[in-house]
Amino acid sequence: MQTLRLCKRCLLEDMADEQALFGLIQSRIKLLSESEKAPEETYRYRLARCQACGELHRGTCVQCGCYVELRAAKRGMRCPHADPKW
């Protein structure tokens, strides 16, 4: 019998069983206009902060319920939990 391992502090892109959902989120990010998107460097910084946060669970922020990859991709979005917030 295989034990299910919960993936804490993981992004969807890192979880094989969540690849379909990750694909949908990436599709949504691609639909954002350039004026809606955060710069790539900002996006990567935000994701790194989320991965280091204890409130990330299976690609979702426990504090607000968002998919962090989508929230981090949008210009002007803020983290409700990080200190300091991004």
PDB file of N, CA and C in Angstrom:
ATOM      1  N   MET A   1       0.832  -1.181   0.000  1.00  0.00           N
ATOM      2  CA  MET A   1       0.000   0.000   0.000  1.00  0.00           C
ATOM      3  C   MET A   1       0.877   1.245   0.000  1.00  0.00           C
ATOM      4  N   GLN A   2       0.617   2.145  -0.933  1.00  0.00           N
ATOM      5  CA  GLN A   2       1.410   3.361  -1.058  1.00  0.00           C
ATOM      6  C   GLN A   2       0.852   4.459  -0.151  1.00  0.00           C
ATOM      7  N   THR A   3       1.734   5.144   0.551  1.00  0.00           N
ATOM      8  CA  THR A   3       1.336   6.247   1.415  1.00  0.00           C
ATOM      9  C   THR A   3       1.315   7.528   0.603  1.00  0.00           C
ATOM     10  N   LEU A   4       0.235   8.290   0.714  1.00  0.00           N
ATOM     11  CA  LEU A   4       0.133   9.569   0.026  1.00  0.00           C
ATOM     12  C   LEU A   4       0.954  10.601   0.779  1.00  0.00           C
ATOM     13  N   ARG A   5       1.870  11.238   0.095  1.00  0.00           N
ATOM     14  CA  ARG A   5       2.724  12.254   0.696  1.00  0.00           C
ATOM     15  C   ARG A   5       2.183  13.623   0.355  1.00  0.00           C
ATOM     16  N   LEU A   6       1.850  14.396   1.362  1.00  0.00           N
ATOM     17  CA  LEU A   6       1.398  15.761   1.135  1.00  0.00           C
ATOM     18  C   LEU A   6       2.589  16.627   0.795  1.00  0.00           C
ATOM     19  N   CYS A   7       2.403  17.478  -0.152  1.00  0.00           N
ATOM     20  CA  CYS A   7       3.486  18.333  -0.614  1.00  0.00           C
ATOM     21  C   CYS A   7       3.296  19.728  -0.046  1.00  0.00           C
ATOM     22  N   LYS A   8       3.995  20.028   1.012  1.00  0.00           N
ATOM     23  CA  LYS A   8       3.937  21.353   1.599  1.00  0.00           C
ATOM     24  C   LYS A   8       5.025  22.216   0.987  1.00  0.00           C
ATOM     25  N   ARG A   9       4.713  23.472   0.851  1.00  0.00           N
ATOM     26  CA  ARG A   9       5.619  24.456   0.266  1.00  0.00           C
ATOM     27  C   ARG A   9       6.059  24.078  -1.144  1.00  0.00           C
ATOM     28  N   CYS A  10       5.161  23.510  -1.903  1.00  0.00           N
ATOM     29  CA  CYS A  10       5.437  23.178  -3.293  1.00  0.00           C
ATOM     30  C   CYS A  10       4.564  24.036  -4.197  1.00  0.00           C
ATOM     31  N   LEU A  11       5.104  24.349  -5.342  1.00  0.00           N
ATOM     32  CA  LEU A  11       4.325  25.006  -6.380  1.00  0.00           C
ATOM     33  C   LEU A  11       3.689  23.923  -7.228  1.00  0.00           C
ATOM     34  N   LEU A  12       2.623  24.260  -7.928  1.00  0.00           N
ATOM     35  CA  LEU A  12       1.965  23.281  -8.792  1.00  0.00           C
ATOM     36  C   LEU A  12       2.920  22.736  -9.845  1.00  0.00           C
ATOM     37  N   GLU A  13       3.829  23.590 -10.325  1.00  0.00           N
ATOM     38  CA  GLU A  13       4.751  23.141 -11.369  1.00  0.00           C
ATOM     39  C   GLU A  13       5.674  22.025 -10.889  1.00  0.00           C
ATOM     40  N   ASP A  14       5.790  21.862  -9.579  1.00  0.00           N
ATOM     41  CA  ASP A  14       6.671  20.844  -9.009  1.00  0.00           C
ATOM     42  C   ASP A  14       5.964  19.529  -8.688  1.00  0.00           C
ATOM     43  N   MET A  15       4.650  19.471  -8.854  1.00  0.00           N
ATOM     44  CA  MET A  15       3.895  18.285  -8.445  1.00  0.00           C
ATOM     45  C   MET A  15       3.331  17.566  -9.670  1.00  0.00           C
ATOM     46  N   ALA A  16       3.778  16.349  -9.879  1.00  0.00           N
ATOM     47  CA  ALA A  16       3.363  15.577 -11.057  1.00  0.00           C
ATOM     48  C   ALA A  16       1.856  15.350 -11.096  1.00  0.00           C
ATOM     49  N   ASP A  17       1.220  15.126  -9.948  1.00  0.00           N
ATOM     50  CA  ASP A  17      -0.208  14.836  -9.931  1.00  0.00           C
ATOM     51  C   ASP A  17      -1.067  16.079 -10.136  1.00  0.00           C
ATOM     52  N   GLU A  18      -0.464  17.245 -10.196  1.00  0.00           N
ATOM     53  CA  GLU A  18      -1.206  18.490 -10.385  1.00  0.00           C
ATOM     54  C   GLU A  18      -0.880  19.146 -11.726  1.00  0.00           C
ATOM     55  N   GLN A  19      -0.279  18.395 -12.633  1.00  0.00           N
ATOM     56  CA  GLN A  19       0.160  18.982 -13.895  1.00  0.00           C
ATOM     57  C   GLN A  19      -0.997  19.516 -14.744  1.00  0.00           C
ATOM     58  N   ALA A  20      -2.149  18.880 -14.719  1.00  0.00           N
ATOM     59  CA  ALA A  20      -3.287  19.375 -15.505  1.00  0.00           C
ATOM     60  C   ALA A  20      -3.738  20.735 -14.982  1.00  0.00           C
ATOM     61  N   LEU A  21      -3.828  20.872 -13.679  1.00  0.00           N
ATOM     62  CA  LEU A  21      -4.204  22.157 -13.079  1.00  0.00           C
ATOM     63  C   LEU A  21      -3.137  23.204 -13.355  1.00  0.00           C
ATOM     64  N   PHE A  22      -1.885  22.820 -13.243  1.00  0.00           N
ATOM     65  CA  PHE A  22      -0.793  23.745 -13.539  1.00  0.00           C
ATOM     66  C   PHE A  22      -0.893  24.228 -14.981  1.00  0.00           C
ATOM     67  N   GLY A  23      -1.225  23.332 -15.902  1.00  0.00           N
ATOM     68  CA  GLY A  23      -1.395  23.704 -17.304  1.00  0.00           C
ATOM     69  C   GLY A  23      -2.506  24.728 -17.491  1.00  0.00           C
ATOM     70  N   LEU A  24      -3.610  24.547 -16.779  1.00  0.00           N
ATOM     71  CA  LEU A  24      -4.713  25.512 -16.865  1.00  0.00           C
ATOM     72  C   LEU A  24      -4.296  26.879 -16.330  1.00  0.00           C
ATOM     73  N   ILE A  25      -3.584  26.890 -15.235  1.00  0.00           N
ATOM     74  CA  ILE A  25      -3.127  28.162 -14.656  1.00  0.00           C
ATOM     75  C   ILE A  25      -2.132  28.839 -15.585  1.00  0.00           C
ATOM     76  N   GLN A  26      -1.226  28.070 -16.167  1.00  0.00           N
ATOM     77  CA  GLN A  26      -0.274  28.650 -17.113  1.00  0.00           C
ATOM     78  C   GLN A  26      -0.992  29.215 -18.341  1.00  0.00           C
ATOM     79  N   SER A  27      -2.042  28.535 -18.782  1.00  0.00           N
ATOM     80  CA  SER A  27      -2.833  29.047 -19.913  1.00  0.00           C
ATOM     81  C   SER A  27      -3.467  30.386 -19.562  1.00  0.00           C
ATOM     82  N   ARG A  28      -3.970  30.497 -18.339  1.00  0.00           N
ATOM     83  CA  ARG A  28      -4.585  31.746 -17.887  1.00  0.00           C
ATOM     84  C   ARG A  28      -3.555  32.867 -17.800  1.00  0.00           C
ATOM     85  N   ILE A  29      -2.368  32.541 -17.314  1.00  0.00           N
ATOM     86  CA  ILE A  29      -1.297  33.532 -17.234  1.00  0.00           C
ATOM     87  C   ILE A  29      -0.934  34.032 -18.625  1.00  0.00           C
ATOM     88  N   LYS A  30      -0.891  33.130 -19.599  1.00  0.00           N
ATOM     89  CA  LYS A  30      -0.563  33.520 -20.971  1.00  0.00           C
ATOM     90  C   LYS A  30      -1.613  34.441 -21.575  1.00  0.00           C
ATOM     91  N   LEU A  31      -2.840  34.367 -21.078  1.00  0.00           N
ATOM     92  CA  LEU A  31      -3.908  35.227 -21.585  1.00  0.00           C
ATOM     93  C   LEU A  31      -3.840  36.650 -21.027  1.00  0.00           C
ATOM     94  N   LEU A  32      -3.056  36.841 -19.970  1.00  0.00           N
ATOM     95  CA  LEU A  32      -2.914  38.183 -19.415  1.00  0.00           C
ATOM     96  C   LEU A  32      -2.203  39.083 -20.421  1.00  0.00           C
ATOM     97  N   SER A  33      -2.658  40.324 -20.522  1.00  0.00           N
ATOM     98  CA  SER A  33      -1.961  41.272 -21.389  1.00  0.00           C
ATOM     99  C   SER A  33      -0.648  41.660 -20.726  1.00  0.00           C
ATOM    100  N   GLU A  34       0.264  42.201 -21.503  1.00  0.00           N
ATOM    101  CA  GLU A  34       1.559  42.603 -20.947  1.00  0.00           C
ATOM    102  C   GLU A  34       1.384  43.643 -19.843  1.00  0.00           C
ATOM    103  N   SER A  35       0.377  44.482 -19.958  1.00  0.00           N
ATOM    104  CA  SER A  35       0.151  45.498 -18.929  1.00  0.00           C
ATOM    105  C   SER A  35      -0.392  44.896 -17.635  1.00  0.00           C
ATOM    106  N   GLU A  36      -0.951  43.692 -17.710  1.00  0.00           N
ATOM    107  CA  GLU A  36      -1.474  43.004 -16.523  1.00  0.00           C
ATOM    108  C   GLU A  36      -0.420  42.134 -15.838  1.00  0.00           C
ATOM    109  N   LYS A  37       0.624  41.750 -16.583  1.00  0.00           N
ATOM    110  CA  LYS A  37       1.625  40.822 -16.056  1.00  0.00           C
ATOM    111  C   LYS A  37       2.709  41.524 -15.256  1.00  0.00           C
ATOM    112  N   ALA A  38       3.125  40.866 -14.186  1.00  0.00           N
ATOM    113  CA  ALA A  38       4.299  41.316 -13.435  1.00  0.00           C
ATOM    114  C   ALA A  38       5.539  40.958 -14.253  1.00  0.00           C
ATOM    115  N   PRO A  39       6.600  41.739 -14.144  1.00  0.00           N
ATOM    116  CA  PRO A  39       7.847  41.366 -14.819  1.00  0.00           C
ATOM    117  C   PRO A  39       8.317  39.981 -14.354  1.00  0.00           C
ATOM    118  N   GLU A  40       9.008  39.259 -15.205  1.00  0.00           N
ATOM    119  CA  GLU A  40       9.467  37.897 -14.898  1.00  0.00           C
ATOM    120  C   GLU A  40      10.287  37.847 -13.609  1.00  0.00           C
ATOM    121  N   GLU A  41      11.163  38.815 -13.406  1.00  0.00           N
ATOM    122  CA  GLU A  41      11.981  38.846 -12.194  1.00  0.00           C
ATOM    123  C   GLU A  41      11.095  38.980 -10.937  1.00  0.00           C
ATOM    124  N   THR A  42      10.081  39.806 -11.021  1.00  0.00           N
ATOM    125  CA  THR A  42       9.137  39.981  -9.913  1.00  0.00           C
ATOM    126  C   THR A  42       8.365  38.696  -9.668  1.00  0.00           C
ATOM    127  N   TYR A  43       7.915  38.061 -10.742  1.00  0.00           N
ATOM    128  CA  TYR A  43       7.177  36.799 -10.654  1.00  0.00           C
ATOM    129  C   TYR A  43       8.008  35.743  -9.931  1.00  0.00           C
ATOM    130  N   ARG A  44       9.262  35.586 -10.342  1.00  0.00           N
ATOM    131  CA  ARG A  44      10.142  34.576  -9.737  1.00  0.00           C
ATOM    132  C   ARG A  44      10.438  34.912  -8.269  1.00  0.00           C
ATOM    133  N   TYR A  45      10.622  36.183  -7.954  1.00  0.00           N
ATOM    134  CA  TYR A  45      10.847  36.604  -6.576  1.00  0.00           C
ATOM    135  C   TYR A  45       9.636  36.240  -5.717  1.00  0.00           C
ATOM    136  N   ARG A  46       8.456  36.534  -6.210  1.00  0.00           N
ATOM    137  CA  ARG A  46       7.231  36.226  -5.476  1.00  0.00           C
ATOM    138  C   ARG A  46       7.084  34.735  -5.232  1.00  0.00           C
ATOM    139  N   LEU A  47       7.347  33.940  -6.261  1.00  0.00           N
ATOM    140  CA  LEU A  47       7.234  32.489  -6.098  1.00  0.00           C
ATOM    141  C   LEU A  47       8.236  31.966  -5.077  1.00  0.00           C
ATOM    142  N   ALA A  48       9.437  32.508  -5.084  1.00  0.00           N
ATOM    143  CA  ALA A  48      10.441  32.090  -4.098  1.00  0.00           C
ATOM    144  C   ALA A  48       9.971  32.426  -2.685  1.00  0.00           C
ATOM    145  N   ARG A  49       9.363  33.596  -2.515  1.00  0.00           N
ATOM    146  CA  ARG A  49       8.830  33.978  -1.197  1.00  0.00           C
ATOM    147  C   ARG A  49       7.721  33.021  -0.783  1.00  0.00           C
ATOM    148  N   CYS A  50       6.858  32.663  -1.721  1.00  0.00           N
ATOM    149  CA  CYS A  50       5.767  31.736  -1.407  1.00  0.00           C
ATOM    150  C   CYS A  50       6.307  30.354  -1.024  1.00  0.00           C
ATOM    151  N   GLN A  51       7.317  29.887  -1.732  1.00  0.00           N
ATOM    152  CA  GLN A  51       7.883  28.574  -1.421  1.00  0.00           C
ATOM    153  C   GLN A  51       8.514  28.547  -0.040  1.00  0.00           C
ATOM    154  N   ALA A  52       9.006  29.664   0.428  1.00  0.00           N
ATOM    155  CA  ALA A  52       9.630  29.736   1.747  1.00  0.00           C
ATOM    156  C   ALA A  52       8.601  29.939   2.859  1.00  0.00           C
ATOM    157  N   CYS A  53       7.356  30.166   2.493  1.00  0.00           N
ATOM    158  CA  CYS A  53       6.306  30.490   3.459  1.00  0.00           C
ATOM    159  C   CYS A  53       5.619  29.219   3.973  1.00  0.00           C
ATOM    160  N   GLY A  54       5.343  29.189   5.236  1.00  0.00           N
ATOM    161  CA  GLY A  54       4.651  28.055   5.838  1.00  0.00           C
ATOM    162  C   GLY A  54       3.179  27.991   5.499  1.00  0.00           C
ATOM    163  N   GLU A  55       2.661  28.988   4.796  1.00  0.00           N
ATOM    164  CA  GLU A  55       1.240  29.030   4.437  1.00  0.00           C
ATOM    165  C   GLU A  55       0.965  28.494   3.034  1.00  0.00           C
ATOM    166  N   LEU A  56       1.989  27.978   2.361  1.00  0.00           N
ATOM    167  CA  LEU A  56       1.814  27.391   1.031  1.00  0.00           C
ATOM    168  C   LEU A  56       1.529  25.908   1.177  1.00  0.00           C
ATOM    169  N   HIS A  57       0.459  25.449   0.561  1.00  0.00           N
ATOM    170  CA  HIS A  57       0.096  24.037   0.608  1.00  0.00           C
ATOM    171  C   HIS A  57      -0.432  23.605  -0.754  1.00  0.00           C
ATOM    172  N   ARG A  58       0.307  22.748  -1.410  1.00  0.00           N
ATOM    173  CA  ARG A  58      -0.069  22.207  -2.719  1.00  0.00           C
ATOM    174  C   ARG A  58      -0.405  23.301  -3.726  1.00  0.00           C
ATOM    175  N   GLY A  59       0.445  24.336  -3.768  1.00  0.00           N
ATOM    176  CA  GLY A  59       0.291  25.406  -4.737  1.00  0.00           C
ATOM    177  C   GLY A  59      -0.734  26.457  -4.374  1.00  0.00           C
ATOM    178  N   THR A  60      -1.342  26.313  -3.199  1.00  0.00           N
ATOM    179  CA  THR A  60      -2.394  27.220  -2.761  1.00  0.00           C
ATOM    180  C   THR A  60      -1.961  27.939  -1.490  1.00  0.00           C
ATOM    181  N   CYS A  61      -2.284  29.223  -1.394  1.00  0.00           N
ATOM    182  CA  CYS A  61      -2.030  29.987  -0.177  1.00  0.00           C
ATOM    183  C   CYS A  61      -3.136  29.673   0.825  1.00  0.00           C
ATOM    184  N   VAL A  62      -2.762  29.181   1.980  1.00  0.00           N
ATOM    185  CA  VAL A  62      -3.733  28.844   3.011  1.00  0.00           C
ATOM    186  C   VAL A  62      -4.424  30.104   3.539  1.00  0.00           C
ATOM    187  N   GLN A  63      -3.737  31.235   3.510  1.00  0.00           N
ATOM    188  CA  GLN A  63      -4.300  32.477   4.031  1.00  0.00           C
ATOM    189  C   GLN A  63      -5.436  33.023   3.168  1.00  0.00           C
ATOM    190  N   CYS A  64      -5.261  33.011   1.857  1.00  0.00           N
ATOM    191  CA  CYS A  64      -6.275  33.636   0.998  1.00  0.00           C
ATOM    192  C   CYS A  64      -6.948  32.662   0.025  1.00  0.00           C
ATOM    193  N   GLY A  65      -6.379  31.469  -0.150  1.00  0.00           N
ATOM    194  CA  GLY A  65      -6.989  30.476  -1.032  1.00  0.00           C
ATOM    195  C   GLY A  65      -6.599  30.589  -2.493  1.00  0.00           C
ATOM    196  N   CYS A  66      -5.707  31.525  -2.828  1.00  0.00           N
ATOM    197  CA  CYS A  66      -5.330  31.696  -4.236  1.00  0.00           C
ATOM    198  C   CYS A  66      -4.329  30.627  -4.667  1.00  0.00           C
ATOM    199  N   TYR A  67      -4.234  30.439  -5.976  1.00  0.00           N
ATOM    200  CA  TYR A  67      -3.139  29.664  -6.549  1.00  0.00           C
ATOM    201  C   TYR A  67      -1.996  30.655  -6.700  1.00  0.00           C
ATOM    202  N   VAL A  68      -0.915  30.431  -5.981  1.00  0.00           N
ATOM    203  CA  VAL A  68       0.133  31.432  -5.899  1.00  0.00           C
ATOM    204  C   VAL A  68       0.774  31.741  -7.252  1.00  0.00           C
ATOM    205  N   GLU A  69       0.860  30.767  -8.138  1.00  0.00           N
ATOM    206  CA  GLU A  69       1.462  31.040  -9.440  1.00  0.00           C
ATOM    207  C   GLU A  69       0.650  32.055 -10.234  1.00  0.00           C
ATOM    208  N   LEU A  70      -0.661  32.018 -10.108  1.00  0.00           N
ATOM    209  CA  LEU A  70      -1.511  32.985 -10.806  1.00  0.00           C
ATOM    210  C   LEU A  70      -1.451  34.347 -10.124  1.00  0.00           C
ATOM    211  N   ARG A  71      -1.548  34.371  -8.827  1.00  0.00           N
ATOM    212  CA  ARG A  71      -1.493  35.642  -8.097  1.00  0.00           C
ATOM    213  C   ARG A  71      -0.152  36.343  -8.331  1.00  0.00           C
ATOM    214  N   ALA A  72       0.939  35.581  -8.282  1.00  0.00           N
ATOM    215  CA  ALA A  72       2.275  36.158  -8.455  1.00  0.00           C
ATOM    216  C   ALA A  72       2.485  36.707  -9.860  1.00  0.00           C
ATOM    217  N   ALA A  73       1.769  36.194 -10.831  1.00  0.00           N
ATOM    218  CA  ALA A  73       1.944  36.615 -12.220  1.00  0.00           C
ATOM    219  C   ALA A  73       1.282  37.957 -12.527  1.00  0.00           C
ATOM    220  N   LYS A  74       0.353  38.374 -11.675  1.00  0.00           N
ATOM    221  CA  LYS A  74      -0.404  39.597 -11.950  1.00  0.00           C
ATOM    222  C   LYS A  74       0.252  40.822 -11.328  1.00  0.00           C
ATOM    223  N   ARG A  75       0.452  41.830 -12.151  1.00  0.00           N
ATOM    224  CA  ARG A  75       0.993  43.108 -11.692  1.00  0.00           C
ATOM    225  C   ARG A  75       0.035  43.697 -10.659  1.00  0.00           C
ATOM    226  N   GLY A  76       0.581  44.290  -9.634  1.00  0.00           N
ATOM    227  CA  GLY A  76      -0.236  44.978  -8.648  1.00  0.00           C
ATOM    228  C   GLY A  76      -0.848  44.092  -7.578  1.00  0.00           C
ATOM    229  N   MET A  77      -0.652  42.779  -7.662  1.00  0.00           N
ATOM    230  CA  MET A  77      -1.184  41.893  -6.631  1.00  0.00           C
ATOM    231  C   MET A  77      -0.279  41.971  -5.413  1.00  0.00           C
ATOM    232  N   ARG A  78      -0.836  41.665  -4.277  1.00  0.00           N
ATOM    233  CA  ARG A  78      -0.099  41.683  -3.016  1.00  0.00           C
ATOM    234  C   ARG A  78      -0.318  40.381  -2.274  1.00  0.00           C
ATOM    235  N   CYS A  79       0.657  40.005  -1.475  1.00  0.00           N
ATOM    236  CA  CYS A  79       0.527  38.830  -0.626  1.00  0.00           C
ATOM    237  C   CYS A  79      -0.146  39.256   0.671  1.00  0.00           C
ATOM    238  N   PRO A  80      -1.194  38.567   1.082  1.00  0.00           N
ATOM    239  CA  PRO A  80      -1.902  38.945   2.309  1.00  0.00           C
ATOM    240  C   PRO A  80      -1.186  38.490   3.583  1.00  0.00           C
ATOM    241  N   HIS A  81      -0.139  37.705   3.435  1.00  0.00           N
ATOM    242  CA  HIS A  81       0.453  37.083   4.610  1.00  0.00           C
ATOM    243  C   HIS A  81       1.934  37.389   4.820  1.00  0.00           C
ATOM    244  N   ALA A  82       2.697  37.479   3.761  1.00  0.00           N
ATOM    245  CA  ALA A  82       4.161  37.594   3.889  1.00  0.00           C
ATOM    246  C   ALA A  82       4.563  38.831   4.678  1.00  0.00           C
ATOM    247  N   ASP A  83       5.661  38.709   5.390  1.00  0.00           N
ATOM    248  CA  ASP A  83       6.204  39.843   6.123  1.00  0.00           C
ATOM    249  C   ASP A  83       7.678  39.967   5.786  1.00  0.00           C
ATOM    250  N   PRO A  84       8.109  40.910   5.008  1.00  0.00           N
ATOM    251  CA  PRO A  84       7.265  41.945   4.433  1.00  0.00           C
ATOM    252  C   PRO A  84       6.458  41.407   3.254  1.00  0.00           C
ATOM    253  N   LYS A  85       5.315  41.988   3.049  1.00  0.00           N
ATOM    254  CA  LYS A  85       4.450  41.559   1.948  1.00  0.00           C
ATOM    255  C   LYS A  85       5.087  41.882   0.617  1.00  0.00           C
ATOM    256  N   TRP A  86       4.813  41.068  -0.394  1.00  0.00           N
ATOM    257  CA  TRP A  86       5.257  41.423  -1.734  1.00  0.00           C
ATOM    258  C   TRP A  86       4.115  42.048  -2.479  1.00  0.00           C
TER     259      TRP A  86
END
